[in-house]
Amino acid sequence: MESFFIICFATGLVLSLLSLMSGFGHLHIGHFHVGHHHVGHTHGAHGISSVNAFTVLAFVTWFGGAGYLLMRTELFNGQIVVLLASLAGFAGPGLLWMALFKVLLPHERVMDVADTQMPGVVASVSNGIRGGDGIGEIIFSQTGARRASAARSDDGRAIERGTEVIVIRYERGVAYVRRWDELAHTDMQS
């Protein structure tokens, strides 16, 4: 019986790790495709099934680990060990499932295309932009993160480091910017 539990534990653990690694990209093993698979019919919030490969592997891992440890203690007979291991098998994925819905998913949000649009972004020049076709660098905040981008002056004039600018357009990885004070001054005159 110990062998059965250790095989369940090892298989669940190895397949969980393989699933984790395949989550970083699609993993193809021959004609077998690992990643983005779903089992089950009941769906919780966010459209994620409560019975999926993740929870099945967690059940097998916890069931095997608890069963093996309980068998080693020799305090319980085989039937009680299977019952307690089954309870642990359901408790483990249940705790992970609750952590997913109580901690991780409440902070998720759907990104809108407007969240990452560059035109209209206010930035600060971190590496001066030379006149003409000179390239510099801007620093700005977008989607809660500090970012940097290559930048050129939209009107071809040099822009010094530390100047506040606004992105007019974004082409091929380069932000075309104008001085914020010039645009604010132009708006006040109109």
N, C-alpha and C. Protein backbone atom coordinates (compact mmCIF):
# COMPACT_ATOMS: atom_id res chain seq x y z
N MET A 1 0.82 -1.19 0.00
CA MET A 1 0.00 0.00 0.00
C MET A 1 0.87 1.27 0.00
N GLU A 2 2.01 1.23 0.72
CA GLU A 2 2.91 2.37 0.73
C GLU A 2 3.39 2.69 -0.68
N SER A 3 3.67 1.65 -1.46
CA SER A 3 4.14 1.85 -2.85
C SER A 3 3.09 2.58 -3.68
N PHE A 4 1.82 2.21 -3.50
CA PHE A 4 0.74 2.86 -4.23
C PHE A 4 0.70 4.35 -3.91
N PHE A 5 0.79 4.68 -2.62
CA PHE A 5 0.74 6.08 -2.22
C PHE A 5 1.95 6.86 -2.73
N ILE A 6 3.13 6.27 -2.65
CA ILE A 6 4.33 6.98 -3.10
C ILE A 6 4.30 7.16 -4.62
N ILE A 7 3.73 6.21 -5.35
CA ILE A 7 3.60 6.35 -6.80
C ILE A 7 2.61 7.48 -7.12
N CYS A 8 1.49 7.54 -6.38
CA CYS A 8 0.52 8.64 -6.58
C CYS A 8 1.19 9.98 -6.31
N PHE A 9 1.91 10.07 -5.20
CA PHE A 9 2.57 11.32 -4.84
C PHE A 9 3.58 11.73 -5.91
N ALA A 10 4.45 10.81 -6.30
CA ALA A 10 5.51 11.12 -7.27
C ALA A 10 4.91 11.48 -8.63
N THR A 11 3.91 10.74 -9.06
CA THR A 11 3.29 11.01 -10.35
C THR A 11 2.61 12.38 -10.34
N GLY A 12 1.85 12.66 -9.28
CA GLY A 12 1.18 13.96 -9.18
C GLY A 12 2.17 15.10 -9.14
N LEU A 13 3.25 14.92 -8.38
CA LEU A 13 4.26 15.97 -8.26
C LEU A 13 4.97 16.21 -9.59
N VAL A 14 5.40 15.15 -10.24
CA VAL A 14 6.11 15.29 -11.52
C VAL A 14 5.20 15.92 -12.58
N LEU A 15 3.97 15.44 -12.66
CA LEU A 15 3.05 16.01 -13.66
C LEU A 15 2.68 17.46 -13.32
N SER A 16 2.60 17.79 -12.03
CA SER A 16 2.34 19.18 -11.65
C SER A 16 3.49 20.07 -12.08
N LEU A 17 4.72 19.62 -11.85
CA LEU A 17 5.89 20.40 -12.26
C LEU A 17 5.96 20.51 -13.78
N LEU A 18 5.64 19.43 -14.49
CA LEU A 18 5.62 19.47 -15.95
C LEU A 18 4.55 20.44 -16.44
N SER A 19 3.40 20.44 -15.79
CA SER A 19 2.33 21.37 -16.14
C SER A 19 2.75 22.81 -15.88
N LEU A 20 3.44 23.03 -14.76
CA LEU A 20 3.94 24.37 -14.44
C LEU A 20 4.91 24.85 -15.51
N MET A 21 5.83 23.98 -15.89
CA MET A 21 6.81 24.36 -16.90
C MET A 21 6.15 24.59 -18.25
N SER A 22 5.13 23.80 -18.58
CA SER A 22 4.45 23.99 -19.86
C SER A 22 3.61 25.24 -19.85
N GLY A 23 3.29 25.77 -18.67
CA GLY A 23 2.52 27.00 -18.57
C GLY A 23 3.31 28.21 -19.06
N PHE A 24 4.63 28.11 -19.07
CA PHE A 24 5.45 29.20 -19.57
C PHE A 24 5.48 29.21 -21.10
N GLY A 25 4.94 28.20 -21.71
CA GLY A 25 4.88 28.09 -23.17
C GLY A 25 4.26 26.75 -23.48
N HIS A 26 3.89 26.56 -24.69
CA HIS A 26 3.30 25.27 -25.06
C HIS A 26 4.41 24.24 -25.14
N LEU A 27 4.18 23.10 -24.53
CA LEU A 27 5.16 22.02 -24.53
C LEU A 27 4.60 20.88 -25.37
N HIS A 28 5.31 20.51 -26.41
CA HIS A 28 4.88 19.42 -27.28
C HIS A 28 5.82 18.24 -27.08
N ILE A 29 5.24 17.10 -26.74
CA ILE A 29 6.02 15.88 -26.59
C ILE A 29 5.47 14.90 -27.62
N GLY A 30 6.16 14.77 -28.74
CA GLY A 30 5.65 13.93 -29.81
C GLY A 30 4.32 14.51 -30.31
N HIS A 31 3.30 13.66 -30.30
CA HIS A 31 1.97 14.12 -30.72
C HIS A 31 1.13 14.53 -29.52
N PHE A 32 1.70 14.48 -28.33
CA PHE A 32 0.98 14.81 -27.10
C PHE A 32 1.22 16.28 -26.79
N HIS A 33 0.16 17.03 -26.60
CA HIS A 33 0.24 18.47 -26.34
C HIS A 33 -0.10 18.72 -24.88
N VAL A 34 0.81 19.36 -24.15
CA VAL A 34 0.60 19.66 -22.74
C VAL A 34 0.34 21.16 -22.61
N GLY A 35 -0.68 21.51 -21.85
CA GLY A 35 -0.98 22.92 -21.60
C GLY A 35 -2.33 23.31 -22.18
N HIS A 36 -3.03 24.17 -21.47
CA HIS A 36 -4.33 24.70 -21.88
C HIS A 36 -5.34 23.60 -22.11
N HIS A 37 -5.46 22.67 -21.16
CA HIS A 37 -6.45 21.60 -21.25
C HIS A 37 -7.43 21.74 -20.10
N HIS A 38 -8.66 21.37 -20.34
CA HIS A 38 -9.71 21.51 -19.32
C HIS A 38 -10.50 20.22 -19.23
N VAL A 39 -10.87 19.83 -18.01
CA VAL A 39 -11.70 18.67 -17.76
C VAL A 39 -12.82 19.13 -16.84
N GLY A 40 -14.02 18.63 -17.06
CA GLY A 40 -15.09 18.96 -16.12
C GLY A 40 -16.12 19.89 -16.73
N HIS A 41 -17.22 20.03 -15.99
CA HIS A 41 -18.33 20.79 -16.54
C HIS A 41 -18.76 21.96 -15.65
N THR A 42 -18.45 21.93 -14.36
CA THR A 42 -18.89 23.01 -13.48
C THR A 42 -17.88 24.14 -13.54
N HIS A 43 -18.39 25.31 -13.68
CA HIS A 43 -17.51 26.48 -13.78
C HIS A 43 -17.80 27.42 -12.63
N GLY A 44 -16.73 27.90 -12.01
CA GLY A 44 -16.87 28.90 -10.95
C GLY A 44 -16.85 30.28 -11.57
N ALA A 45 -16.61 31.25 -10.73
CA ALA A 45 -16.47 32.62 -11.22
C ALA A 45 -15.28 32.67 -12.16
N HIS A 46 -15.25 33.59 -13.05
CA HIS A 46 -14.18 33.78 -14.02
C HIS A 46 -14.15 32.67 -15.06
N GLY A 47 -15.16 31.77 -15.10
CA GLY A 47 -15.23 30.74 -16.13
C GLY A 47 -14.20 29.64 -16.01
N ILE A 48 -13.62 29.46 -14.83
CA ILE A 48 -12.62 28.42 -14.64
C ILE A 48 -13.29 27.21 -14.00
N SER A 49 -13.12 26.05 -14.60
CA SER A 49 -13.73 24.83 -14.08
C SER A 49 -13.09 24.46 -12.74
N SER A 50 -13.91 23.99 -11.80
CA SER A 50 -13.36 23.56 -10.51
C SER A 50 -12.70 22.20 -10.62
N VAL A 51 -13.00 21.45 -11.66
CA VAL A 51 -12.32 20.17 -11.91
C VAL A 51 -11.53 20.36 -13.19
N ASN A 52 -10.23 20.50 -13.03
CA ASN A 52 -9.36 20.67 -14.18
C ASN A 52 -8.06 19.92 -13.91
N ALA A 53 -7.14 19.95 -14.84
CA ALA A 53 -5.89 19.21 -14.68
C ALA A 53 -5.14 19.63 -13.41
N PHE A 54 -5.17 20.92 -13.11
CA PHE A 54 -4.47 21.42 -11.92
C PHE A 54 -5.03 20.80 -10.64
N THR A 55 -6.35 20.82 -10.49
CA THR A 55 -6.95 20.30 -9.25
C THR A 55 -6.85 18.78 -9.18
N VAL A 56 -6.94 18.10 -10.31
CA VAL A 56 -6.79 16.63 -10.32
C VAL A 56 -5.37 16.26 -9.90
N LEU A 57 -4.38 16.94 -10.45
CA LEU A 57 -2.99 16.66 -10.08
C LEU A 57 -2.73 17.02 -8.62
N ALA A 58 -3.32 18.09 -8.14
CA ALA A 58 -3.17 18.45 -6.72
C ALA A 58 -3.79 17.37 -5.84
N PHE A 59 -4.95 16.86 -6.23
CA PHE A 59 -5.59 15.79 -5.46
C PHE A 59 -4.68 14.57 -5.40
N VAL A 60 -4.18 14.14 -6.54
CA VAL A 60 -3.32 12.93 -6.58
C VAL A 60 -2.07 13.14 -5.73
N THR A 61 -1.47 14.31 -5.81
CA THR A 61 -0.26 14.60 -5.04
C THR A 61 -0.54 14.58 -3.54
N TRP A 62 -1.56 15.31 -3.10
CA TRP A 62 -1.89 15.37 -1.67
C TRP A 62 -2.36 14.00 -1.17
N PHE A 63 -3.17 13.31 -1.95
CA PHE A 63 -3.65 11.98 -1.58
C PHE A 63 -2.47 11.03 -1.38
N GLY A 64 -1.56 11.02 -2.33
CA GLY A 64 -0.39 10.14 -2.24
C GLY A 64 0.52 10.50 -1.08
N GLY A 65 0.79 11.78 -0.92
CA GLY A 65 1.68 12.21 0.16
C GLY A 65 1.10 11.92 1.54
N ALA A 66 -0.17 12.26 1.73
CA ALA A 66 -0.82 12.01 3.03
C ALA A 66 -0.93 10.52 3.29
N GLY A 67 -1.31 9.76 2.27
CA GLY A 67 -1.43 8.31 2.43
C GLY A 67 -0.10 7.67 2.80
N TYR A 68 0.95 8.08 2.16
CA TYR A 68 2.28 7.53 2.45
C TYR A 68 2.68 7.86 3.89
N LEU A 69 2.51 9.11 4.29
CA LEU A 69 2.88 9.49 5.65
C LEU A 69 2.04 8.77 6.69
N LEU A 70 0.75 8.62 6.44
CA LEU A 70 -0.12 7.92 7.39
C LEU A 70 0.21 6.43 7.47
N MET A 71 0.58 5.84 6.35
CA MET A 71 0.98 4.42 6.36
C MET A 71 2.27 4.23 7.16
N ARG A 72 3.16 5.16 7.07
CA ARG A 72 4.46 5.07 7.77
C ARG A 72 4.28 5.18 9.29
N THR A 73 3.23 5.88 9.75
CA THR A 73 3.04 6.03 11.19
C THR A 73 2.50 4.76 11.84
N GLU A 74 1.85 3.91 11.06
CA GLU A 74 1.27 2.64 11.54
C GLU A 74 0.26 2.85 12.66
N LEU A 75 -0.38 4.01 12.72
CA LEU A 75 -1.40 4.28 13.72
C LEU A 75 -2.78 3.83 13.25
N PHE A 76 -2.98 3.77 11.95
CA PHE A 76 -4.30 3.48 11.39
C PHE A 76 -4.24 2.26 10.49
N ASN A 77 -5.40 1.59 10.33
CA ASN A 77 -5.44 0.48 9.38
C ASN A 77 -5.60 1.04 7.97
N GLY A 78 -5.51 0.19 6.97
CA GLY A 78 -5.50 0.60 5.56
C GLY A 78 -6.73 1.38 5.15
N GLN A 79 -7.92 0.97 5.63
CA GLN A 79 -9.15 1.65 5.23
C GLN A 79 -9.22 3.08 5.79
N ILE A 80 -8.79 3.25 7.02
CA ILE A 80 -8.78 4.59 7.63
C ILE A 80 -7.76 5.46 6.91
N VAL A 81 -6.62 4.88 6.56
CA VAL A 81 -5.59 5.64 5.85
C VAL A 81 -6.13 6.13 4.51
N VAL A 82 -6.83 5.26 3.77
CA VAL A 82 -7.40 5.66 2.48
C VAL A 82 -8.43 6.78 2.68
N LEU A 83 -9.25 6.67 3.71
CA LEU A 83 -10.24 7.70 4.00
C LEU A 83 -9.57 9.03 4.34
N LEU A 84 -8.59 9.00 5.25
CA LEU A 84 -7.89 10.23 5.64
C LEU A 84 -7.08 10.81 4.46
N ALA A 85 -6.47 9.95 3.67
CA ALA A 85 -5.72 10.41 2.50
C ALA A 85 -6.67 11.06 1.48
N SER A 86 -7.87 10.48 1.34
CA SER A 86 -8.86 11.06 0.43
C SER A 86 -9.30 12.44 0.91
N LEU A 87 -9.51 12.56 2.23
CA LEU A 87 -9.87 13.87 2.79
C LEU A 87 -8.76 14.89 2.53
N ALA A 88 -7.51 14.47 2.74
CA ALA A 88 -6.37 15.35 2.47
C ALA A 88 -6.31 15.67 0.98
N GLY A 89 -6.61 14.66 0.14
CA GLY A 89 -6.61 14.87 -1.30
C GLY A 89 -7.62 15.92 -1.73
N PHE A 90 -8.78 15.98 -1.09
CA PHE A 90 -9.77 17.00 -1.41
C PHE A 90 -9.45 18.33 -0.73
N ALA A 91 -8.86 18.29 0.45
CA ALA A 91 -8.53 19.52 1.18
C ALA A 91 -7.44 20.31 0.48
N GLY A 92 -6.41 19.64 -0.01
CA GLY A 92 -5.29 20.33 -0.67
C GLY A 92 -5.73 21.18 -1.85
N PRO A 93 -6.38 20.57 -2.86
CA PRO A 93 -6.84 21.38 -3.99
C PRO A 93 -7.89 22.41 -3.57
N GLY A 94 -8.69 22.07 -2.54
CA GLY A 94 -9.68 23.02 -2.05
C GLY A 94 -9.02 24.29 -1.51
N LEU A 95 -7.95 24.11 -0.75
CA LEU A 95 -7.21 25.26 -0.22
C LEU A 95 -6.57 26.07 -1.35
N LEU A 96 -6.00 25.37 -2.31
CA LEU A 96 -5.38 26.06 -3.44
C LEU A 96 -6.44 26.80 -4.26
N TRP A 97 -7.60 26.18 -4.44
CA TRP A 97 -8.70 26.79 -5.18
C TRP A 97 -9.18 28.06 -4.47
N MET A 98 -9.32 27.97 -3.14
CA MET A 98 -9.74 29.15 -2.37
C MET A 98 -8.70 30.26 -2.47
N ALA A 99 -7.43 29.91 -2.40
CA ALA A 99 -6.39 30.92 -2.53
C ALA A 99 -6.46 31.60 -3.89
N LEU A 100 -6.75 30.82 -4.91
CA LEU A 100 -6.86 31.38 -6.26
C LEU A 100 -7.99 32.40 -6.33
N PHE A 101 -9.17 32.06 -5.77
CA PHE A 101 -10.32 32.95 -5.88
C PHE A 101 -10.34 34.05 -4.82
N LYS A 102 -9.70 33.85 -3.69
CA LYS A 102 -9.71 34.87 -2.63
C LYS A 102 -8.51 35.83 -2.73
N VAL A 103 -7.38 35.35 -3.25
CA VAL A 103 -6.18 36.18 -3.25
C VAL A 103 -5.79 36.64 -4.65
N LEU A 104 -5.71 35.72 -5.61
CA LEU A 104 -5.18 36.07 -6.92
C LEU A 104 -6.21 36.69 -7.87
N LEU A 105 -7.32 36.03 -8.09
CA LEU A 105 -8.28 36.49 -9.10
C LEU A 105 -8.97 37.81 -8.77
N PRO A 106 -9.21 38.16 -7.50
CA PRO A 106 -9.84 39.46 -7.25
C PRO A 106 -9.00 40.64 -7.75
N HIS A 107 -7.70 40.45 -7.93
CA HIS A 107 -6.83 41.53 -8.38
C HIS A 107 -6.63 41.54 -9.89
N GLU A 108 -7.23 40.58 -10.58
CA GLU A 108 -7.12 40.50 -12.02
C GLU A 108 -8.10 41.48 -12.66
N ARG A 109 -7.71 42.02 -13.80
CA ARG A 109 -8.64 42.85 -14.55
C ARG A 109 -8.31 42.69 -16.03
N VAL A 110 -9.30 42.91 -16.84
CA VAL A 110 -9.13 42.80 -18.28
C VAL A 110 -8.49 44.08 -18.78
N MET A 111 -7.42 43.92 -19.51
CA MET A 111 -6.73 45.10 -20.06
C MET A 111 -7.53 45.65 -21.24
N ASP A 112 -7.59 46.95 -21.30
CA ASP A 112 -8.24 47.64 -22.40
C ASP A 112 -7.14 48.15 -23.32
N VAL A 113 -7.39 48.19 -24.61
CA VAL A 113 -6.39 48.68 -25.56
C VAL A 113 -5.97 50.10 -25.20
N ALA A 114 -6.89 50.89 -24.69
CA ALA A 114 -6.58 52.28 -24.33
C ALA A 114 -5.56 52.36 -23.18
N ASP A 115 -5.46 51.29 -22.37
CA ASP A 115 -4.51 51.28 -21.26
C ASP A 115 -3.06 51.31 -21.73
N THR A 116 -2.80 50.84 -22.94
CA THR A 116 -1.42 50.76 -23.42
C THR A 116 -1.16 51.63 -24.63
N GLN A 117 -2.10 52.50 -24.97
CA GLN A 117 -1.90 53.42 -26.09
C GLN A 117 -0.86 54.48 -25.70
N MET A 118 0.04 54.77 -26.60
CA MET A 118 1.10 55.73 -26.31
C MET A 118 0.71 57.20 -26.56
N PRO A 119 -0.02 57.52 -27.63
CA PRO A 119 -0.36 58.94 -27.83
C PRO A 119 -1.11 59.51 -26.63
N GLY A 120 -0.64 60.66 -26.18
CA GLY A 120 -1.26 61.31 -25.03
C GLY A 120 -0.57 61.03 -23.71
N VAL A 121 0.39 60.11 -23.69
CA VAL A 121 1.11 59.79 -22.46
C VAL A 121 2.05 60.94 -22.12
N VAL A 122 2.04 61.34 -20.85
CA VAL A 122 2.96 62.37 -20.37
C VAL A 122 4.19 61.65 -19.83
N ALA A 123 5.37 62.13 -20.24
CA ALA A 123 6.63 61.47 -19.87
C ALA A 123 7.68 62.50 -19.52
N SER A 124 8.79 62.01 -19.01
CA SER A 124 9.93 62.86 -18.70
C SER A 124 11.13 62.36 -19.52
N VAL A 125 11.85 63.28 -20.11
CA VAL A 125 13.02 62.91 -20.92
C VAL A 125 14.14 62.49 -19.98
N SER A 126 14.58 61.24 -20.11
CA SER A 126 15.64 60.73 -19.24
C SER A 126 17.00 60.78 -19.92
N ASN A 127 17.03 60.81 -21.22
CA ASN A 127 18.26 60.94 -21.99
C ASN A 127 17.95 61.95 -23.09
N GLY A 128 18.58 63.09 -23.05
CA GLY A 128 18.27 64.20 -23.95
C GLY A 128 18.09 63.79 -25.41
N ILE A 129 17.16 64.47 -26.08
CA ILE A 129 16.87 64.19 -27.48
C ILE A 129 17.56 65.26 -28.32
N ARG A 130 18.47 64.83 -29.19
CA ARG A 130 19.18 65.76 -30.06
C ARG A 130 18.25 66.26 -31.15
N GLY A 131 18.55 67.40 -31.72
CA GLY A 131 17.75 67.96 -32.80
C GLY A 131 17.81 67.11 -34.05
N GLY A 132 16.94 67.39 -34.99
CA GLY A 132 16.89 66.61 -36.24
C GLY A 132 16.28 65.24 -35.99
N ASP A 133 17.00 64.22 -36.42
CA ASP A 133 16.53 62.84 -36.24
C ASP A 133 17.15 62.19 -35.01
N GLY A 134 17.66 63.01 -34.08
CA GLY A 134 18.30 62.47 -32.88
C GLY A 134 17.32 61.66 -32.03
N ILE A 135 17.87 60.68 -31.39
CA ILE A 135 17.03 59.81 -30.54
C ILE A 135 17.46 59.96 -29.11
N GLY A 136 16.49 59.96 -28.21
CA GLY A 136 16.74 60.00 -26.78
C GLY A 136 15.87 58.96 -26.10
N GLU A 137 15.57 59.20 -24.83
CA GLU A 137 14.77 58.23 -24.10
C GLU A 137 13.81 58.97 -23.17
N ILE A 138 12.61 58.41 -23.03
CA ILE A 138 11.63 58.96 -22.10
C ILE A 138 11.27 57.90 -21.07
N ILE A 139 10.85 58.38 -19.90
CA ILE A 139 10.36 57.52 -18.82
C ILE A 139 8.93 57.95 -18.54
N PHE A 140 8.06 56.97 -18.38
CA PHE A 140 6.64 57.27 -18.13
C PHE A 140 6.03 56.13 -17.32
N SER A 141 4.86 56.38 -16.80
CA SER A 141 4.13 55.37 -16.04
C SER A 141 2.91 54.94 -16.83
N GLN A 142 2.74 53.63 -16.96
CA GLN A 142 1.60 53.10 -17.70
C GLN A 142 1.20 51.78 -17.09
N THR A 143 -0.09 51.57 -16.87
CA THR A 143 -0.66 50.37 -16.24
C THR A 143 0.02 50.07 -14.91
N GLY A 144 0.34 51.10 -14.18
CA GLY A 144 0.92 50.93 -12.85
C GLY A 144 2.39 50.57 -12.83
N ALA A 145 3.05 50.61 -13.97
CA ALA A 145 4.47 50.26 -14.01
C ALA A 145 5.26 51.39 -14.66
N ARG A 146 6.50 51.52 -14.23
CA ARG A 146 7.39 52.52 -14.81
C ARG A 146 8.00 51.92 -16.07
N ARG A 147 7.95 52.66 -17.16
CA ARG A 147 8.43 52.16 -18.45
C ARG A 147 9.34 53.19 -19.11
N ALA A 148 10.07 52.72 -20.10
CA ALA A 148 10.96 53.59 -20.87
C ALA A 148 10.74 53.31 -22.35
N SER A 149 11.04 54.30 -23.17
CA SER A 149 10.90 54.14 -24.62
C SER A 149 11.90 55.05 -25.31
N ALA A 150 12.32 54.62 -26.49
CA ALA A 150 13.12 55.50 -27.34
C ALA A 150 12.22 56.64 -27.78
N ALA A 151 12.80 57.83 -27.96
CA ALA A 151 11.98 58.99 -28.31
C ALA A 151 12.71 59.91 -29.27
N ARG A 152 11.92 60.55 -30.13
CA ARG A 152 12.40 61.59 -31.04
C ARG A 152 11.51 62.81 -30.87
N SER A 153 12.06 63.94 -31.17
CA SER A 153 11.29 65.18 -31.13
C SER A 153 10.36 65.20 -32.34
N ASP A 154 9.10 65.50 -32.13
CA ASP A 154 8.12 65.53 -33.21
C ASP A 154 8.39 66.66 -34.19
N ASP A 155 8.91 67.78 -33.69
CA ASP A 155 9.16 68.93 -34.57
C ASP A 155 10.65 69.07 -34.93
N GLY A 156 11.49 68.09 -34.51
CA GLY A 156 12.90 68.11 -34.89
C GLY A 156 13.79 68.96 -34.01
N ARG A 157 13.23 69.65 -33.00
CA ARG A 157 14.05 70.47 -32.10
C ARG A 157 14.58 69.63 -30.95
N ALA A 158 15.74 69.99 -30.45
CA ALA A 158 16.35 69.28 -29.32
C ALA A 158 15.51 69.46 -28.06
N ILE A 159 15.49 68.42 -27.23
CA ILE A 159 14.77 68.48 -25.95
C ILE A 159 15.73 67.99 -24.87
N GLU A 160 15.93 68.82 -23.84
CA GLU A 160 16.89 68.51 -22.79
C GLU A 160 16.35 67.46 -21.82
N ARG A 161 17.30 66.84 -21.14
CA ARG A 161 16.97 65.86 -20.10
C ARG A 161 16.16 66.54 -18.99
N GLY A 162 15.16 65.84 -18.46
CA GLY A 162 14.33 66.37 -17.38
C GLY A 162 13.11 67.13 -17.86
N THR A 163 13.01 67.38 -19.16
CA THR A 163 11.86 68.12 -19.71
C THR A 163 10.63 67.21 -19.73
N GLU A 164 9.50 67.77 -19.34
CA GLU A 164 8.25 67.02 -19.39
C GLU A 164 7.69 67.12 -20.81
N VAL A 165 7.34 65.96 -21.38
CA VAL A 165 6.86 65.90 -22.76
C VAL A 165 5.57 65.10 -22.83
N ILE A 166 4.92 65.21 -23.99
CA ILE A 166 3.73 64.40 -24.25
C ILE A 166 3.96 63.66 -25.56
N VAL A 167 3.55 62.41 -25.59
CA VAL A 167 3.72 61.59 -26.79
C VAL A 167 2.64 61.97 -27.80
N ILE A 168 3.06 62.34 -29.00
CA ILE A 168 2.15 62.73 -30.07
C ILE A 168 1.76 61.50 -30.89
N ARG A 169 2.75 60.69 -31.22
CA ARG A 169 2.49 59.46 -31.96
C ARG A 169 3.57 58.44 -31.61
N TYR A 170 3.32 57.19 -31.95
CA TYR A 170 4.25 56.11 -31.63
C TYR A 170 4.38 55.23 -32.86
N GLU A 171 5.58 55.17 -33.42
CA GLU A 171 5.80 54.39 -34.64
C GLU A 171 7.07 53.56 -34.53
N ARG A 172 6.95 52.29 -34.83
CA ARG A 172 8.08 51.36 -34.87
C ARG A 172 8.95 51.42 -33.62
N GLY A 173 8.31 51.47 -32.47
CA GLY A 173 9.04 51.45 -31.21
C GLY A 173 9.63 52.77 -30.78
N VAL A 174 9.30 53.85 -31.48
CA VAL A 174 9.83 55.17 -31.14
C VAL A 174 8.66 56.11 -30.87
N ALA A 175 8.73 56.78 -29.72
CA ALA A 175 7.71 57.77 -29.36
C ALA A 175 8.14 59.13 -29.91
N TYR A 176 7.25 59.78 -30.63
CA TYR A 176 7.49 61.13 -31.12
C TYR A 176 6.83 62.09 -30.15
N VAL A 177 7.64 62.97 -29.55
CA VAL A 177 7.17 63.78 -28.44
C VAL A 177 7.29 65.28 -28.71
N ARG A 178 6.51 66.03 -27.94
CA ARG A 178 6.61 67.49 -27.92
C ARG A 178 6.66 67.92 -26.47
N ARG A 179 7.25 69.09 -26.25
CA ARG A 179 7.32 69.64 -24.89
C ARG A 179 5.92 69.89 -24.36
N TRP A 180 5.71 69.51 -23.12
CA TRP A 180 4.41 69.69 -22.47
C TRP A 180 4.06 71.17 -22.36
N ASP A 181 5.04 71.99 -21.97
CA ASP A 181 4.76 73.42 -21.78
C ASP A 181 4.37 74.11 -23.08
N GLU A 182 4.93 73.67 -24.21
CA GLU A 182 4.56 74.25 -25.51
C GLU A 182 3.11 73.92 -25.83
N LEU A 183 2.72 72.69 -25.62
CA LEU A 183 1.34 72.28 -25.92
C LEU A 183 0.36 72.95 -24.97
N ALA A 184 0.73 73.07 -23.70
CA ALA A 184 -0.15 73.72 -22.73
C ALA A 184 -0.29 75.20 -23.07
N HIS A 185 0.80 75.82 -23.50
CA HIS A 185 0.77 77.23 -23.90
C HIS A 185 -0.09 77.42 -25.15
N THR A 186 0.00 76.53 -26.11
CA THR A 186 -0.80 76.59 -27.33
C THR A 186 -2.28 76.46 -27.01
N ASP A 187 -2.63 75.54 -26.09
CA ASP A 187 -4.03 75.34 -25.70
C ASP A 187 -4.60 76.56 -25.00
N MET A 188 -3.77 77.27 -24.21
CA MET A 188 -4.24 78.44 -23.49
C MET A 188 -4.53 79.60 -24.45
N GLN A 189 -3.78 79.68 -25.55
CA GLN A 189 -3.97 80.76 -26.50
C GLN A 189 -5.22 80.55 -27.37
N SER A 190 -5.62 79.31 -27.57
CA SER A 190 -6.77 79.08 -28.46
C SER A 190 -8.08 79.24 -27.77
